[in-house]
Amino acid sequence: MIQPPTVKRGDAVGIVGPGRKLDPDTVNAAIRIIDSWGVKVKVGQNLFSSKHSYLSGVDAERHEDLQRMLDDTSIKAIICAR
C-alpha cells in the first residue's frame, strides 16, 4: 500500500465540493480550524457556486476543481466537503 506523507505545518490542503453546494459559514468555520493547525487552505473555485440548484457547479466544473487540486503539487491533501 502506498501511504502519503503526513501533512505538516506550512503544507497546503485543498477543499472541493464534488457534490452539493455548501454554506460558506460552515466551510469558513472549518477553514479557521484547519488554519489553526498551521496548514494553508486552498478552496475550489466552484465550492459555493450558484450556477446549479443544489450541486456545487455542473459536472465539468466540479471535475475541474478536483483535477486542479490533484495537479497542484503544493497541495498535500484534498478534503471533499459535503
C-alpha atoms as a PDB file:
ATOM      1  CA  MET A   1       0.000   0.000   0.000  1.00  0.00           C
ATOM      2  CA  ILE A   2       1.224   3.486  -0.837  1.00  0.00           C
ATOM      3  CA  GLN A   3       0.907   5.809   2.121  1.00  0.00           C
ATOM      4  CA  PRO A   4       1.233   9.552   1.543  1.00  0.00           C
ATOM      5  CA  PRO A   5       3.373  11.659   3.856  1.00  0.00           C
ATOM      6  CA  THR A   6       1.777  13.251   6.908  1.00  0.00           C
ATOM      7  CA  VAL A   7       0.521  16.816   6.430  1.00  0.00           C
ATOM      8  CA  LYS A   8       2.760  19.210   8.364  1.00  0.00           C
ATOM      9  CA  ARG A   9       2.599  22.845   9.437  1.00  0.00           C
ATOM     10  CA  GLY A  10       3.070  25.070   6.405  1.00  0.00           C
ATOM     11  CA  ASP A  11       1.685  22.475   3.985  1.00  0.00           C
ATOM     12  CA  ALA A  12      -1.367  23.232   1.852  1.00  0.00           C
ATOM     13  CA  VAL A  13      -4.617  21.294   1.673  1.00  0.00           C
ATOM     14  CA  GLY A  14      -7.403  21.755  -0.834  1.00  0.00           C
ATOM     15  CA  ILE A  15     -11.136  21.731  -0.202  1.00  0.00           C
ATOM     16  CA  VAL A  16     -13.502  20.802  -3.025  1.00  0.00           C
ATOM     17  CA  GLY A  17     -17.213  20.118  -3.178  1.00  0.00           C
ATOM     18  CA  PRO A  18     -17.713  17.134  -5.501  1.00  0.00           C
ATOM     19  CA  GLY A  19     -21.387  17.008  -4.528  1.00  0.00           C
ATOM     20  CA  ARG A  20     -23.805  19.562  -3.204  1.00  0.00           C
ATOM     21  CA  LYS A  21     -23.055  23.245  -2.721  1.00  0.00           C
ATOM     22  CA  LEU A  22     -22.031  24.282   0.745  1.00  0.00           C
ATOM     23  CA  ASP A  23     -22.864  27.026   3.160  1.00  0.00           C
ATOM     24  CA  PRO A  24     -19.933  29.480   3.262  1.00  0.00           C
ATOM     25  CA  ASP A  25     -20.286  29.943   7.037  1.00  0.00           C
ATOM     26  CA  THR A  26     -19.864  26.215   7.643  1.00  0.00           C
ATOM     27  CA  VAL A  27     -16.841  25.931   5.360  1.00  0.00           C
ATOM     28  CA  ASN A  28     -15.262  29.091   6.763  1.00  0.00           C
ATOM     29  CA  ALA A  29     -15.560  27.633  10.271  1.00  0.00           C
ATOM     30  CA  ALA A  30     -13.700  24.526   9.059  1.00  0.00           C
ATOM     31  CA  ILE A  31     -11.081  26.675   7.350  1.00  0.00           C
ATOM     32  CA  ARG A  32     -10.441  28.564  10.605  1.00  0.00           C
ATOM     33  CA  ILE A  33      -9.869  25.257  12.400  1.00  0.00           C
ATOM     34  CA  ILE A  34      -7.508  23.983   9.700  1.00  0.00           C
ATOM     35  CA  ASP A  35      -5.667  27.336   9.696  1.00  0.00           C
ATOM     36  CA  SER A  36      -5.183  26.988  13.448  1.00  0.00           C
ATOM     37  CA  TRP A  37      -3.183  23.831  12.751  1.00  0.00           C
ATOM     38  CA  GLY A  38      -0.710  25.898  10.716  1.00  0.00           C
ATOM     39  CA  VAL A  39      -1.938  24.429   7.428  1.00  0.00           C
ATOM     40  CA  LYS A  40      -2.762  26.612   4.407  1.00  0.00           C
ATOM     41  CA  VAL A  41      -6.144  26.070   2.748  1.00  0.00           C
ATOM     42  CA  LYS A  42      -6.965  26.360  -0.953  1.00  0.00           C
ATOM     43  CA  VAL A  43     -10.654  26.299  -1.839  1.00  0.00           C
ATOM     44  CA  GLY A  44     -12.088  25.004  -5.115  1.00  0.00           C
ATOM     45  CA  GLN A  45     -13.411  27.755  -7.367  1.00  0.00           C
ATOM     46  CA  ASN A  46     -16.901  26.258  -7.542  1.00  0.00           C
ATOM     47  CA  LEU A  47     -17.359  25.279  -3.916  1.00  0.00           C
ATOM     48  CA  PHE A  48     -20.011  27.959  -3.386  1.00  0.00           C
ATOM     49  CA  SER A  49     -21.299  28.099  -6.966  1.00  0.00           C
ATOM     50  CA  SER A  50     -24.873  29.217  -7.518  1.00  0.00           C
ATOM     51  CA  LYS A  51     -24.979  28.005 -11.128  1.00  0.00           C
ATOM     52  CA  HIS A  52     -26.757  24.798 -10.164  1.00  0.00           C
ATOM     53  CA  SER A  53     -29.821  24.306  -7.987  1.00  0.00           C
ATOM     54  CA  TYR A  54     -28.178  22.066  -5.368  1.00  0.00           C
ATOM     55  CA  LEU A  55     -24.730  20.969  -6.628  1.00  0.00           C
ATOM     56  CA  SER A  56     -21.505  22.947  -6.330  1.00  0.00           C
ATOM     57  CA  GLY A  57     -21.447  23.515 -10.084  1.00  0.00           C
ATOM     58  CA  VAL A  58     -22.143  21.436 -13.155  1.00  0.00           C
ATOM     59  CA  ASP A  59     -20.241  18.159 -13.628  1.00  0.00           C
ATOM     60  CA  ALA A  60     -17.419  19.761 -15.624  1.00  0.00           C
ATOM     61  CA  GLU A  61     -16.881  22.491 -13.002  1.00  0.00           C
ATOM     62  CA  ARG A  62     -16.747  20.039 -10.108  1.00  0.00           C
ATOM     63  CA  HIS A  63     -14.379  17.822 -12.079  1.00  0.00           C
ATOM     64  CA  GLU A  64     -12.195  20.815 -12.903  1.00  0.00           C
ATOM     65  CA  ASP A  65     -11.959  21.804  -9.221  1.00  0.00           C
ATOM     66  CA  LEU A  66     -10.828  18.320  -8.205  1.00  0.00           C
ATOM     67  CA  GLN A  67      -8.401  17.988 -11.129  1.00  0.00           C
ATOM     68  CA  ARG A  68      -6.883  21.400 -10.350  1.00  0.00           C
ATOM     69  CA  MET A  69      -6.201  20.244  -6.779  1.00  0.00           C
ATOM     70  CA  LEU A  70      -4.699  16.956  -7.979  1.00  0.00           C
ATOM     71  CA  ASP A  71      -2.406  18.803 -10.407  1.00  0.00           C
ATOM     72  CA  ASP A  72      -1.226  21.371  -7.825  1.00  0.00           C
ATOM     73  CA  THR A  73       1.998  19.954  -6.414  1.00  0.00           C
ATOM     74  CA  SER A  74       1.824  22.289  -3.402  1.00  0.00           C
ATOM     75  CA  ILE A  75      -1.336  20.579  -2.141  1.00  0.00           C
ATOM     76  CA  LYS A  76      -0.545  17.683   0.183  1.00  0.00           C
ATOM     77  CA  ALA A  77      -4.147  16.565   0.901  1.00  0.00           C
ATOM     78  CA  ILE A  78      -7.603  17.119  -0.570  1.00  0.00           C
ATOM     79  CA  ILE A  79     -10.715  17.364   1.575  1.00  0.00           C
ATOM     80  CA  CYS A  80     -14.004  16.581  -0.146  1.00  0.00           C
ATOM     81  CA  ALA A  81     -16.578  18.630   1.730  1.00  0.00           C
ATOM     82  CA  ARG A  82     -20.210  17.720   1.993  1.00  0.00           C
END
